[in-house]
Amino acid sequence: MPAKGITAKQARSRESVSRLLKAAMEVLSEKGLKGATASRIAARAGLSPGAIYRRFPDKDALLRSVFIEVLEKNDKGISLVLDSQGTKDMDLKSFAEWAVRVSVEGQRRYSGLFRALNQYLLGRADARFKRKAAELQVKSFRRVVDFLAQKSKEINHPDPATALPFGLMIVGFTMSELIIRNELSEAWAPLLPKDDRQLERELTRAMLAYLGADYD
C-alpha cells in the first residue's frame, strides 16, 4: 500500500480512537459504569459496535484507556496551571481558595464520570493497570505538594513536609466523599455545609488552619 494510503488509514484510526474515548467518557458520565455498554459507546461515537473491537481488544481495554486518558489530561492541566505566572504570584491563601473552588466545581461537573471510573478501578484485578493509575495520580498530587512547598514561609506547622501532603489528602478525600461517592444518608444533611460555596469556604479554612496559615 502506498505510504499516502497508510498515512490516511492511520489518521482515520486515530480519529476513531479519539471519538470512542470521548464517547465512552460521555456515556460513563450519563449512564454510569453499568450503563456504559459497547453499543451505547459506539452509537455515541457515530460508529458501529465492531469499531470498538477493531481499535481495542475488548471493552475493558477501552475503559482502561479512558481512565488513563482522564488522568493524563488532568496531570497536563495541573502542570500548565502551576507553571503559569498568575498562579506562581498567588499567596498561599489565594491559591488555596482558588484551588478548592476549582476542584469542587470540577468534581461537581464531572461527578458521574469520576464515580464510574472509581467504581471501575475498584473492580479491576489488573495489578499493572492499577499501578499505572496510582503512579499518575501520585504524580499529579506531588506537583501540587511541590508547588505549595515553595510557599513554606507562609506555613507555621512544625512539620511542613508531612503537613502539606496530608492536608491536601484531608481536603481531597472529604471532597470526594461528599461529591463523588455521595453515599451519606439524608440524616447527615443538617451537619454538612448547606451548599458548595460554604463547602469551599470550610475546606479552605480547614486546610489553612491545619497548615498554620492565616485565614480571615
N, C-alpha and C. Protein backbone atom coordinates (compact mmCIF):
# COMPACT_ATOMS: atom_id res chain seq x y z
N MET A 1 0.85 -1.20 0.00
CA MET A 1 0.00 0.00 0.00
C MET A 1 0.89 1.25 0.00
N PRO A 2 0.57 2.22 -0.84
CA PRO A 2 1.37 3.45 -0.87
C PRO A 2 1.42 4.13 0.49
N ALA A 3 2.51 4.83 0.73
CA ALA A 3 2.68 5.50 2.03
C ALA A 3 1.54 6.46 2.32
N LYS A 4 1.06 7.14 1.28
CA LYS A 4 -0.04 8.10 1.47
C LYS A 4 -1.29 7.41 1.96
N GLY A 5 -1.55 6.20 1.41
CA GLY A 5 -2.72 5.44 1.83
C GLY A 5 -2.61 4.98 3.27
N ILE A 6 -1.39 4.56 3.65
CA ILE A 6 -1.16 4.13 5.03
C ILE A 6 -1.37 5.29 6.00
N THR A 7 -0.85 6.45 5.64
CA THR A 7 -0.99 7.63 6.50
C THR A 7 -2.46 8.01 6.69
N ALA A 8 -3.24 7.96 5.61
CA ALA A 8 -4.66 8.28 5.71
C ALA A 8 -5.38 7.27 6.59
N LYS A 9 -5.02 6.01 6.45
CA LYS A 9 -5.64 4.97 7.27
C LYS A 9 -5.31 5.16 8.75
N GLN A 10 -4.06 5.50 9.02
CA GLN A 10 -3.64 5.74 10.41
C GLN A 10 -4.37 6.94 11.00
N ALA A 11 -4.56 7.98 10.18
CA ALA A 11 -5.28 9.16 10.65
C ALA A 11 -6.72 8.82 10.98
N ARG A 12 -7.37 8.02 10.14
CA ARG A 12 -8.76 7.60 10.41
C ARG A 12 -8.83 6.76 11.68
N SER A 13 -7.82 5.91 11.86
CA SER A 13 -7.79 5.07 13.05
C SER A 13 -7.66 5.92 14.32
N ARG A 14 -6.76 6.92 14.29
CA ARG A 14 -6.59 7.80 15.44
C ARG A 14 -7.86 8.59 15.72
N GLU A 15 -8.51 9.02 14.65
CA GLU A 15 -9.76 9.76 14.82
C GLU A 15 -10.84 8.88 15.46
N SER A 16 -10.90 7.63 15.03
CA SER A 16 -11.89 6.71 15.59
C SER A 16 -11.62 6.45 17.07
N VAL A 17 -10.35 6.28 17.40
CA VAL A 17 -9.99 6.06 18.81
C VAL A 17 -10.38 7.28 19.64
N SER A 18 -10.08 8.47 19.14
CA SER A 18 -10.43 9.70 19.86
C SER A 18 -11.94 9.81 20.06
N ARG A 19 -12.71 9.48 19.02
CA ARG A 19 -14.16 9.55 19.12
C ARG A 19 -14.69 8.53 20.12
N LEU A 20 -14.10 7.35 20.13
CA LEU A 20 -14.55 6.31 21.07
C LEU A 20 -14.23 6.69 22.51
N LEU A 21 -13.06 7.26 22.75
CA LEU A 21 -12.69 7.69 24.10
C LEU A 21 -13.64 8.79 24.59
N LYS A 22 -13.89 9.76 23.73
CA LYS A 22 -14.79 10.86 24.09
C LYS A 22 -16.20 10.33 24.35
N ALA A 23 -16.67 9.44 23.48
CA ALA A 23 -18.00 8.87 23.64
C ALA A 23 -18.11 8.06 24.93
N ALA A 24 -17.06 7.30 25.23
CA ALA A 24 -17.07 6.49 26.45
C ALA A 24 -17.14 7.37 27.69
N MET A 25 -16.41 8.48 27.69
CA MET A 25 -16.47 9.41 28.82
C MET A 25 -17.88 9.96 28.99
N GLU A 26 -18.51 10.33 27.89
CA GLU A 26 -19.87 10.90 27.95
C GLU A 26 -20.87 9.87 28.46
N VAL A 27 -20.78 8.64 27.96
CA VAL A 27 -21.72 7.61 28.38
C VAL A 27 -21.49 7.22 29.84
N LEU A 28 -20.24 7.11 30.25
CA LEU A 28 -19.94 6.81 31.65
C LEU A 28 -20.52 7.89 32.56
N SER A 29 -20.38 9.14 32.13
CA SER A 29 -20.88 10.26 32.92
C SER A 29 -22.40 10.23 33.04
N GLU A 30 -23.08 9.89 31.97
CA GLU A 30 -24.54 9.93 31.94
C GLU A 30 -25.19 8.65 32.45
N LYS A 31 -24.60 7.50 32.12
CA LYS A 31 -25.24 6.21 32.39
C LYS A 31 -24.57 5.39 33.49
N GLY A 32 -23.40 5.84 33.91
CA GLY A 32 -22.68 5.08 34.92
C GLY A 32 -21.94 3.89 34.32
N LEU A 33 -21.22 3.18 35.16
CA LEU A 33 -20.39 2.07 34.69
C LEU A 33 -21.23 0.96 34.07
N LYS A 34 -22.33 0.60 34.73
CA LYS A 34 -23.17 -0.49 34.21
C LYS A 34 -23.82 -0.11 32.89
N GLY A 35 -24.14 1.16 32.74
CA GLY A 35 -24.81 1.60 31.53
C GLY A 35 -23.89 1.88 30.36
N ALA A 36 -22.59 1.77 30.59
CA ALA A 36 -21.62 2.06 29.53
C ALA A 36 -21.40 0.82 28.68
N THR A 37 -22.42 0.44 27.92
CA THR A 37 -22.31 -0.73 27.06
C THR A 37 -21.57 -0.37 25.77
N ALA A 38 -21.04 -1.41 25.12
CA ALA A 38 -20.31 -1.19 23.87
C ALA A 38 -21.21 -0.56 22.82
N SER A 39 -22.45 -1.01 22.75
CA SER A 39 -23.37 -0.47 21.73
C SER A 39 -23.65 1.01 21.98
N ARG A 40 -23.83 1.41 23.24
CA ARG A 40 -24.08 2.82 23.56
C ARG A 40 -22.87 3.68 23.23
N ILE A 41 -21.71 3.19 23.58
CA ILE A 41 -20.49 3.96 23.32
C ILE A 41 -20.28 4.13 21.82
N ALA A 42 -20.43 3.04 21.08
CA ALA A 42 -20.24 3.11 19.63
C ALA A 42 -21.26 4.04 18.99
N ALA A 43 -22.52 3.95 19.42
CA ALA A 43 -23.56 4.82 18.87
C ALA A 43 -23.26 6.28 19.15
N ARG A 44 -22.79 6.59 20.37
CA ARG A 44 -22.46 7.97 20.71
C ARG A 44 -21.30 8.48 19.85
N ALA A 45 -20.38 7.57 19.50
CA ALA A 45 -19.24 7.95 18.66
C ALA A 45 -19.60 8.01 17.18
N GLY A 46 -20.81 7.55 16.85
CA GLY A 46 -21.22 7.53 15.45
C GLY A 46 -20.55 6.42 14.68
N LEU A 47 -20.22 5.32 15.38
CA LEU A 47 -19.54 4.19 14.76
C LEU A 47 -20.31 2.91 15.04
N SER A 48 -19.95 1.86 14.36
CA SER A 48 -20.58 0.56 14.61
C SER A 48 -19.91 -0.08 15.82
N PRO A 49 -20.63 -0.98 16.55
CA PRO A 49 -20.00 -1.65 17.71
C PRO A 49 -18.70 -2.34 17.34
N GLY A 50 -18.61 -2.83 16.09
CA GLY A 50 -17.39 -3.51 15.68
C GLY A 50 -16.17 -2.60 15.68
N ALA A 51 -16.41 -1.28 15.60
CA ALA A 51 -15.29 -0.34 15.60
C ALA A 51 -14.50 -0.41 16.90
N ILE A 52 -15.20 -0.70 18.00
CA ILE A 52 -14.50 -0.81 19.29
C ILE A 52 -13.49 -1.94 19.24
N TYR A 53 -13.90 -3.07 18.69
CA TYR A 53 -13.05 -4.25 18.70
C TYR A 53 -11.99 -4.23 17.60
N ARG A 54 -12.11 -3.28 16.67
CA ARG A 54 -11.03 -3.09 15.71
C ARG A 54 -9.93 -2.20 16.29
N ARG A 55 -10.29 -1.40 17.30
CA ARG A 55 -9.32 -0.48 17.91
C ARG A 55 -8.81 -0.97 19.26
N PHE A 56 -9.61 -1.79 19.95
CA PHE A 56 -9.26 -2.28 21.28
C PHE A 56 -9.54 -3.78 21.36
N PRO A 57 -8.78 -4.52 22.16
CA PRO A 57 -9.01 -5.97 22.29
C PRO A 57 -10.42 -6.29 22.80
N ASP A 58 -10.93 -5.44 23.70
CA ASP A 58 -12.27 -5.63 24.23
C ASP A 58 -12.73 -4.32 24.89
N LYS A 59 -13.96 -4.31 25.42
CA LYS A 59 -14.46 -3.08 26.03
C LYS A 59 -13.65 -2.70 27.26
N ASP A 60 -13.16 -3.69 27.98
CA ASP A 60 -12.37 -3.41 29.16
C ASP A 60 -11.12 -2.62 28.80
N ALA A 61 -10.50 -2.95 27.68
CA ALA A 61 -9.31 -2.22 27.22
C ALA A 61 -9.68 -0.78 26.90
N LEU A 62 -10.85 -0.58 26.33
CA LEU A 62 -11.31 0.79 26.05
C LEU A 62 -11.47 1.57 27.34
N LEU A 63 -12.09 0.96 28.35
CA LEU A 63 -12.31 1.66 29.61
C LEU A 63 -10.99 1.95 30.33
N ARG A 64 -10.04 1.04 30.22
CA ARG A 64 -8.72 1.31 30.80
C ARG A 64 -8.09 2.53 30.12
N SER A 65 -8.24 2.59 28.81
CA SER A 65 -7.69 3.73 28.07
C SER A 65 -8.37 5.03 28.47
N VAL A 66 -9.68 4.97 28.71
CA VAL A 66 -10.41 6.15 29.16
C VAL A 66 -9.86 6.62 30.50
N PHE A 67 -9.67 5.69 31.42
CA PHE A 67 -9.17 6.02 32.75
C PHE A 67 -7.81 6.71 32.66
N ILE A 68 -6.91 6.13 31.89
CA ILE A 68 -5.57 6.70 31.74
C ILE A 68 -5.63 8.05 31.04
N GLU A 69 -6.50 8.16 30.03
CA GLU A 69 -6.65 9.43 29.31
C GLU A 69 -7.08 10.55 30.26
N VAL A 70 -8.04 10.26 31.13
CA VAL A 70 -8.52 11.25 32.09
C VAL A 70 -7.40 11.67 33.04
N LEU A 71 -6.64 10.70 33.54
CA LEU A 71 -5.55 11.02 34.47
C LEU A 71 -4.45 11.83 33.79
N GLU A 72 -4.12 11.47 32.56
CA GLU A 72 -3.06 12.19 31.85
C GLU A 72 -3.47 13.62 31.51
N LYS A 73 -4.73 13.80 31.10
CA LYS A 73 -5.21 15.15 30.82
C LYS A 73 -5.25 15.99 32.08
N ASN A 74 -5.63 15.37 33.18
CA ASN A 74 -5.67 16.07 34.46
C ASN A 74 -4.26 16.51 34.86
N ASP A 75 -3.30 15.62 34.71
CA ASP A 75 -1.92 15.96 35.07
C ASP A 75 -1.38 17.08 34.19
N LYS A 76 -1.69 17.02 32.91
CA LYS A 76 -1.23 18.07 31.99
C LYS A 76 -1.85 19.41 32.37
N GLY A 77 -3.14 19.39 32.71
CA GLY A 77 -3.82 20.62 33.11
C GLY A 77 -3.23 21.21 34.37
N ILE A 78 -2.95 20.36 35.35
CA ILE A 78 -2.35 20.83 36.61
C ILE A 78 -0.98 21.43 36.34
N SER A 79 -0.20 20.77 35.51
CA SER A 79 1.14 21.26 35.18
C SER A 79 1.09 22.65 34.54
N LEU A 80 0.18 22.82 33.59
CA LEU A 80 0.05 24.11 32.91
C LEU A 80 -0.35 25.21 33.87
N VAL A 81 -1.29 24.91 34.74
CA VAL A 81 -1.78 25.90 35.70
C VAL A 81 -0.69 26.30 36.68
N LEU A 82 0.02 25.31 37.22
CA LEU A 82 1.05 25.61 38.22
C LEU A 82 2.25 26.32 37.63
N ASP A 83 2.46 26.16 36.33
CA ASP A 83 3.58 26.83 35.66
C ASP A 83 3.25 28.25 35.22
N SER A 84 1.98 28.63 35.32
CA SER A 84 1.60 29.98 34.88
C SER A 84 2.05 31.02 35.90
N GLN A 85 2.41 32.18 35.41
CA GLN A 85 2.90 33.23 36.30
C GLN A 85 1.82 33.70 37.25
N GLY A 86 0.58 33.75 36.77
CA GLY A 86 -0.51 34.18 37.64
C GLY A 86 -0.66 33.30 38.86
N THR A 87 -0.51 31.99 38.68
CA THR A 87 -0.60 31.06 39.80
C THR A 87 0.61 31.20 40.72
N LYS A 88 1.78 31.34 40.13
CA LYS A 88 3.00 31.48 40.93
C LYS A 88 2.97 32.73 41.81
N ASP A 89 2.27 33.76 41.35
CA ASP A 89 2.22 35.01 42.09
C ASP A 89 1.21 34.99 43.25
N MET A 90 0.38 33.96 43.30
CA MET A 90 -0.61 33.89 44.39
C MET A 90 0.05 33.60 45.72
N ASP A 91 -0.49 34.20 46.79
CA ASP A 91 -0.04 33.79 48.12
C ASP A 91 -0.78 32.50 48.48
N LEU A 92 -0.41 31.90 49.60
CA LEU A 92 -0.96 30.61 49.97
C LEU A 92 -2.48 30.65 50.11
N LYS A 93 -3.00 31.67 50.76
CA LYS A 93 -4.44 31.78 50.98
C LYS A 93 -5.18 31.90 49.66
N SER A 94 -4.69 32.75 48.77
CA SER A 94 -5.35 32.94 47.47
C SER A 94 -5.33 31.65 46.66
N PHE A 95 -4.20 30.96 46.68
CA PHE A 95 -4.10 29.72 45.93
C PHE A 95 -5.05 28.67 46.51
N ALA A 96 -5.09 28.55 47.83
CA ALA A 96 -5.96 27.56 48.46
C ALA A 96 -7.42 27.83 48.11
N GLU A 97 -7.83 29.08 48.19
CA GLU A 97 -9.21 29.43 47.85
C GLU A 97 -9.52 29.08 46.39
N TRP A 98 -8.60 29.44 45.52
CA TRP A 98 -8.81 29.17 44.09
C TRP A 98 -8.82 27.67 43.81
N ALA A 99 -7.85 26.95 44.35
CA ALA A 99 -7.73 25.51 44.07
C ALA A 99 -8.94 24.74 44.60
N VAL A 100 -9.41 25.08 45.79
CA VAL A 100 -10.57 24.39 46.35
C VAL A 100 -11.81 24.68 45.52
N ARG A 101 -11.98 25.95 45.13
CA ARG A 101 -13.16 26.30 44.33
C ARG A 101 -13.16 25.56 43.00
N VAL A 102 -12.03 25.56 42.30
CA VAL A 102 -11.93 24.88 41.01
C VAL A 102 -12.15 23.37 41.17
N SER A 103 -11.61 22.79 42.23
CA SER A 103 -11.76 21.35 42.46
C SER A 103 -13.21 20.98 42.74
N VAL A 104 -13.88 21.77 43.57
CA VAL A 104 -15.29 21.50 43.87
C VAL A 104 -16.13 21.61 42.60
N GLU A 105 -15.90 22.66 41.84
CA GLU A 105 -16.67 22.86 40.61
C GLU A 105 -16.40 21.73 39.61
N GLY A 106 -15.14 21.31 39.50
CA GLY A 106 -14.79 20.24 38.58
C GLY A 106 -15.38 18.91 38.99
N GLN A 107 -15.29 18.60 40.28
CA GLN A 107 -15.84 17.34 40.74
C GLN A 107 -17.36 17.31 40.62
N ARG A 108 -17.98 18.44 40.85
CA ARG A 108 -19.43 18.51 40.70
C ARG A 108 -19.82 18.32 39.23
N ARG A 109 -19.09 18.98 38.35
CA ARG A 109 -19.42 18.91 36.92
C ARG A 109 -19.20 17.52 36.35
N TYR A 110 -18.15 16.85 36.79
CA TYR A 110 -17.81 15.53 36.23
C TYR A 110 -18.03 14.40 37.24
N SER A 111 -18.92 14.63 38.19
CA SER A 111 -19.12 13.64 39.25
C SER A 111 -19.54 12.27 38.71
N GLY A 112 -20.39 12.26 37.68
CA GLY A 112 -20.83 10.99 37.11
C GLY A 112 -19.67 10.21 36.52
N LEU A 113 -18.81 10.89 35.77
CA LEU A 113 -17.65 10.24 35.17
C LEU A 113 -16.69 9.75 36.23
N PHE A 114 -16.36 10.61 37.21
CA PHE A 114 -15.42 10.21 38.25
C PHE A 114 -15.97 9.05 39.08
N ARG A 115 -17.26 9.07 39.36
CA ARG A 115 -17.88 7.98 40.12
C ARG A 115 -17.76 6.66 39.36
N ALA A 116 -18.05 6.70 38.07
CA ALA A 116 -17.97 5.49 37.26
C ALA A 116 -16.53 4.97 37.17
N LEU A 117 -15.57 5.88 37.01
CA LEU A 117 -14.18 5.47 36.91
C LEU A 117 -13.66 4.90 38.23
N ASN A 118 -14.09 5.48 39.34
CA ASN A 118 -13.70 4.95 40.65
C ASN A 118 -14.25 3.53 40.84
N GLN A 119 -15.50 3.33 40.43
CA GLN A 119 -16.10 2.00 40.52
C GLN A 119 -15.35 1.02 39.63
N TYR A 120 -14.98 1.50 38.46
CA TYR A 120 -14.23 0.64 37.53
C TYR A 120 -12.90 0.21 38.14
N LEU A 121 -12.17 1.16 38.71
CA LEU A 121 -10.87 0.86 39.30
C LEU A 121 -10.99 -0.14 40.45
N LEU A 122 -12.00 0.04 41.29
CA LEU A 122 -12.19 -0.86 42.43
C LEU A 122 -12.50 -2.28 42.00
N GLY A 123 -13.10 -2.42 40.83
CA GLY A 123 -13.48 -3.75 40.36
C GLY A 123 -12.42 -4.44 39.52
N ARG A 124 -11.26 -3.80 39.32
CA ARG A 124 -10.22 -4.40 38.49
C ARG A 124 -9.26 -5.23 39.33
N ALA A 125 -8.80 -6.33 38.73
CA ALA A 125 -7.79 -7.17 39.38
C ALA A 125 -6.43 -7.03 38.69
N ASP A 126 -6.38 -6.18 37.67
CA ASP A 126 -5.16 -5.98 36.89
C ASP A 126 -4.17 -5.11 37.68
N ALA A 127 -3.18 -5.76 38.29
CA ALA A 127 -2.22 -5.04 39.14
C ALA A 127 -1.41 -4.03 38.35
N ARG A 128 -1.07 -4.36 37.11
CA ARG A 128 -0.26 -3.45 36.30
C ARG A 128 -1.03 -2.17 36.00
N PHE A 129 -2.30 -2.32 35.65
CA PHE A 129 -3.13 -1.15 35.36
C PHE A 129 -3.31 -0.31 36.62
N LYS A 130 -3.59 -0.95 37.75
CA LYS A 130 -3.78 -0.22 39.00
C LYS A 130 -2.51 0.53 39.39
N ARG A 131 -1.37 -0.09 39.16
CA ARG A 131 -0.10 0.57 39.49
C ARG A 131 0.12 1.79 38.62
N LYS A 132 -0.18 1.68 37.32
CA LYS A 132 -0.01 2.82 36.42
C LYS A 132 -0.96 3.95 36.81
N ALA A 133 -2.21 3.60 37.13
CA ALA A 133 -3.19 4.61 37.53
C ALA A 133 -2.72 5.32 38.81
N ALA A 134 -2.24 4.55 39.76
CA ALA A 134 -1.77 5.13 41.02
C ALA A 134 -0.58 6.04 40.79
N GLU A 135 0.34 5.62 39.92
CA GLU A 135 1.52 6.44 39.64
C GLU A 135 1.14 7.78 39.02
N LEU A 136 0.16 7.77 38.13
CA LEU A 136 -0.28 9.02 37.51
C LEU A 136 -0.96 9.93 38.53
N GLN A 137 -1.77 9.34 39.40
CA GLN A 137 -2.45 10.13 40.42
C GLN A 137 -1.45 10.75 41.39
N VAL A 138 -0.47 9.96 41.81
CA VAL A 138 0.55 10.46 42.73
C VAL A 138 1.41 11.53 42.06
N LYS A 139 1.69 11.36 40.79
CA LYS A 139 2.47 12.35 40.04
C LYS A 139 1.78 13.70 40.06
N SER A 140 0.47 13.72 39.81
CA SER A 140 -0.29 14.98 39.83
C SER A 140 -0.34 15.55 41.23
N PHE A 141 -0.53 14.68 42.22
CA PHE A 141 -0.60 15.12 43.61
C PHE A 141 0.72 15.76 44.04
N ARG A 142 1.82 15.14 43.66
CA ARG A 142 3.14 15.67 44.03
C ARG A 142 3.40 17.04 43.40
N ARG A 143 2.85 17.26 42.23
CA ARG A 143 3.02 18.57 41.59
C ARG A 143 2.48 19.66 42.51
N VAL A 144 1.31 19.42 43.06
CA VAL A 144 0.67 20.42 43.93
C VAL A 144 1.45 20.56 45.24
N VAL A 145 1.87 19.42 45.80
CA VAL A 145 2.65 19.46 47.04
C VAL A 145 3.94 20.25 46.84
N ASP A 146 4.64 19.98 45.74
CA ASP A 146 5.91 20.68 45.47
C ASP A 146 5.67 22.17 45.23
N PHE A 147 4.56 22.49 44.59
CA PHE A 147 4.24 23.91 44.36
C PHE A 147 4.00 24.61 45.69
N LEU A 148 3.23 23.99 46.57
CA LEU A 148 2.93 24.61 47.86
C LEU A 148 4.17 24.69 48.75
N ALA A 149 5.09 23.75 48.56
CA ALA A 149 6.31 23.78 49.37
C ALA A 149 7.12 25.05 49.13
N GLN A 150 6.92 25.67 47.97
CA GLN A 150 7.62 26.92 47.66
C GLN A 150 7.07 28.09 48.50
N LYS A 151 5.94 27.86 49.14
CA LYS A 151 5.33 28.89 49.96
C LYS A 151 5.47 28.54 51.45
N SER A 152 6.53 27.82 51.78
CA SER A 152 6.73 27.33 53.15
C SER A 152 6.83 28.44 54.18
N LYS A 153 7.23 29.65 53.75
CA LYS A 153 7.34 30.76 54.70
C LYS A 153 5.97 31.16 55.25
N GLU A 154 4.92 30.80 54.55
CA GLU A 154 3.57 31.14 55.00
C GLU A 154 2.94 30.02 55.83
N ILE A 155 3.71 28.94 56.02
CA ILE A 155 3.21 27.77 56.74
C ILE A 155 3.88 27.70 58.11
N ASN A 156 3.06 27.61 59.15
CA ASN A 156 3.59 27.59 60.52
C ASN A 156 3.45 26.24 61.19
N HIS A 157 3.08 25.23 60.45
CA HIS A 157 3.02 23.88 61.00
C HIS A 157 4.45 23.43 61.34
N PRO A 158 4.64 22.72 62.47
CA PRO A 158 6.00 22.32 62.85
C PRO A 158 6.66 21.34 61.89
N ASP A 159 5.87 20.66 61.07
CA ASP A 159 6.43 19.68 60.14
C ASP A 159 5.77 19.85 58.76
N PRO A 160 6.13 20.90 58.03
CA PRO A 160 5.50 21.18 56.74
C PRO A 160 5.59 20.03 55.74
N ALA A 161 6.70 19.30 55.76
CA ALA A 161 6.88 18.20 54.80
C ALA A 161 5.80 17.13 54.96
N THR A 162 5.34 16.93 56.19
CA THR A 162 4.26 15.98 56.45
C THR A 162 2.90 16.65 56.28
N ALA A 163 2.81 17.89 56.73
CA ALA A 163 1.52 18.59 56.74
C ALA A 163 0.98 18.87 55.34
N LEU A 164 1.84 19.23 54.40
CA LEU A 164 1.37 19.58 53.07
C LEU A 164 0.64 18.43 52.37
N PRO A 165 1.27 17.26 52.21
CA PRO A 165 0.54 16.17 51.55
C PRO A 165 -0.66 15.70 52.35
N PHE A 166 -0.52 15.65 53.69
CA PHE A 166 -1.63 15.17 54.49
C PHE A 166 -2.80 16.14 54.47
N GLY A 167 -2.49 17.45 54.52
CA GLY A 167 -3.55 18.44 54.45
C GLY A 167 -4.31 18.37 53.15
N LEU A 168 -3.58 18.18 52.04
CA LEU A 168 -4.24 18.03 50.74
C LEU A 168 -5.08 16.77 50.69
N MET A 169 -4.60 15.70 51.31
CA MET A 169 -5.37 14.46 51.34
C MET A 169 -6.67 14.64 52.10
N ILE A 170 -6.60 15.33 53.24
CA ILE A 170 -7.81 15.55 54.05
C ILE A 170 -8.87 16.28 53.22
N VAL A 171 -8.44 17.34 52.54
CA VAL A 171 -9.37 18.12 51.72
C VAL A 171 -9.88 17.28 50.55
N GLY A 172 -8.98 16.59 49.86
CA GLY A 172 -9.35 15.81 48.69
C GLY A 172 -10.29 14.66 49.02
N PHE A 173 -9.99 13.94 50.10
CA PHE A 173 -10.84 12.81 50.48
C PHE A 173 -12.22 13.28 50.94
N THR A 174 -12.25 14.38 51.67
CA THR A 174 -13.53 14.94 52.11
C THR A 174 -14.38 15.34 50.91
N MET A 175 -13.76 16.03 49.97
CA MET A 175 -14.45 16.47 48.75
C MET A 175 -15.00 15.28 47.99
N SER A 176 -14.16 14.26 47.83
CA SER A 176 -14.56 13.07 47.08
C SER A 176 -15.71 12.34 47.78
N GLU A 177 -15.64 12.26 49.09
CA GLU A 177 -16.70 11.57 49.86
C GLU A 177 -18.03 12.28 49.69
N LEU A 178 -18.02 13.60 49.73
CA LEU A 178 -19.28 14.36 49.67
C LEU A 178 -19.81 14.54 48.26
N ILE A 179 -18.92 14.62 47.27
CA ILE A 179 -19.37 14.92 45.91
C ILE A 179 -19.37 13.69 45.01
N ILE A 180 -18.29 12.93 45.01
CA ILE A 180 -18.18 11.80 44.10
C ILE A 180 -18.91 10.57 44.65
N ARG A 181 -18.56 10.15 45.83
CA ARG A 181 -19.23 8.97 46.39
C ARG A 181 -20.66 9.31 46.79
N ASN A 182 -20.83 10.43 47.50
CA ASN A 182 -22.17 10.94 47.80
C ASN A 182 -23.09 9.85 48.35
N GLU A 183 -22.60 9.11 49.32
CA GLU A 183 -23.37 7.99 49.86
C GLU A 183 -23.93 8.25 51.26
N LEU A 184 -23.72 9.45 51.77
CA LEU A 184 -24.26 9.76 53.09
C LEU A 184 -25.78 9.89 53.01
N SER A 185 -26.46 9.38 54.00
CA SER A 185 -27.92 9.45 54.01
C SER A 185 -28.37 10.88 54.31
N GLU A 186 -29.65 11.15 54.08
CA GLU A 186 -30.21 12.50 54.31
C GLU A 186 -30.09 12.91 55.77
N ALA A 187 -29.96 11.94 56.67
CA ALA A 187 -29.85 12.24 58.10
C ALA A 187 -28.60 13.09 58.39
N TRP A 188 -27.60 13.00 57.51
CA TRP A 188 -26.36 13.77 57.71
C TRP A 188 -26.48 15.21 57.24
N ALA A 189 -27.47 15.50 56.42
CA ALA A 189 -27.58 16.81 55.77
C ALA A 189 -27.48 18.00 56.73
N PRO A 190 -28.15 17.98 57.91
CA PRO A 190 -28.06 19.15 58.80
C PRO A 190 -26.66 19.41 59.35
N LEU A 191 -25.79 18.42 59.25
CA LEU A 191 -24.45 18.56 59.81
C LEU A 191 -23.41 18.96 58.76
N LEU A 192 -23.84 19.08 57.52
CA LEU A 192 -22.92 19.37 56.42
C LEU A 192 -23.10 20.80 55.92
N PRO A 193 -22.09 21.34 55.23
CA PRO A 193 -22.27 22.67 54.61
C PRO A 193 -23.52 22.68 53.74
N LYS A 194 -24.24 23.80 53.75
CA LYS A 194 -25.54 23.85 53.08
C LYS A 194 -25.44 23.91 51.56
N ASP A 195 -24.30 24.36 51.02
CA ASP A 195 -24.13 24.42 49.58
C ASP A 195 -22.64 24.39 49.25
N ASP A 196 -22.31 24.37 47.95
CA ASP A 196 -20.92 24.26 47.55
C ASP A 196 -20.08 25.47 47.96
N ARG A 197 -20.67 26.64 47.98
CA ARG A 197 -19.91 27.83 48.37
C ARG A 197 -19.45 27.70 49.82
N GLN A 198 -20.34 27.25 50.67
CA GLN A 198 -19.97 27.06 52.08
C GLN A 198 -18.98 25.91 52.21
N LEU A 199 -19.16 24.87 51.42
CA LEU A 199 -18.21 23.75 51.43
C LEU A 199 -16.81 24.25 51.06
N GLU A 200 -16.73 25.07 50.03
CA GLU A 200 -15.44 25.62 49.61
C GLU A 200 -14.79 26.43 50.74
N ARG A 201 -15.58 27.28 51.38
CA ARG A 201 -15.03 28.12 52.47
C ARG A 201 -14.50 27.26 53.61
N GLU A 202 -15.26 26.24 54.00
CA GLU A 202 -14.87 25.43 55.15
C GLU A 202 -13.68 24.52 54.83
N LEU A 203 -13.63 24.01 53.60
CA LEU A 203 -12.47 23.20 53.22
C LEU A 203 -11.20 24.05 53.17
N THR A 204 -11.32 25.25 52.65
CA THR A 204 -10.17 26.16 52.61
C THR A 204 -9.73 26.53 54.02
N ARG A 205 -10.70 26.85 54.86
CA ARG A 205 -10.38 27.22 56.24
C ARG A 205 -9.70 26.05 56.96
N ALA A 206 -10.22 24.84 56.76
CA ALA A 206 -9.65 23.66 57.42
C ALA A 206 -8.21 23.42 56.97
N MET A 207 -7.97 23.55 55.69
CA MET A 207 -6.62 23.32 55.17
C MET A 207 -5.63 24.34 55.69
N LEU A 208 -6.01 25.61 55.60
CA LEU A 208 -5.09 26.67 56.04
C LEU A 208 -4.86 26.63 57.55
N ALA A 209 -5.91 26.33 58.31
CA ALA A 209 -5.76 26.24 59.77
C ALA A 209 -4.82 25.08 60.12
N TYR A 210 -4.96 23.97 59.42
CA TYR A 210 -4.09 22.82 59.69
C TYR A 210 -2.63 23.15 59.39
N LEU A 211 -2.42 23.91 58.32
CA LEU A 211 -1.05 24.29 57.95
C LEU A 211 -0.50 25.40 58.82
N GLY A 212 -1.37 25.99 59.64
CA GLY A 212 -0.92 27.09 60.50
C GLY A 212 -0.81 28.40 59.73
N ALA A 213 -1.57 28.52 58.65
CA ALA A 213 -1.55 29.75 57.84
C ALA A 213 -2.71 30.63 58.21
N ASP A 214 -2.60 31.90 57.89
CA ASP A 214 -3.66 32.85 58.20
C ASP A 214 -4.87 32.64 57.31
N TYR A 215 -6.07 32.76 57.91
CA TYR A 215 -7.32 32.73 57.13
C TYR A 215 -8.31 33.63 57.85
N ASP A 216 -8.64 34.75 57.23
CA ASP A 216 -9.59 35.65 57.88
C ASP A 216 -10.69 36.06 56.90
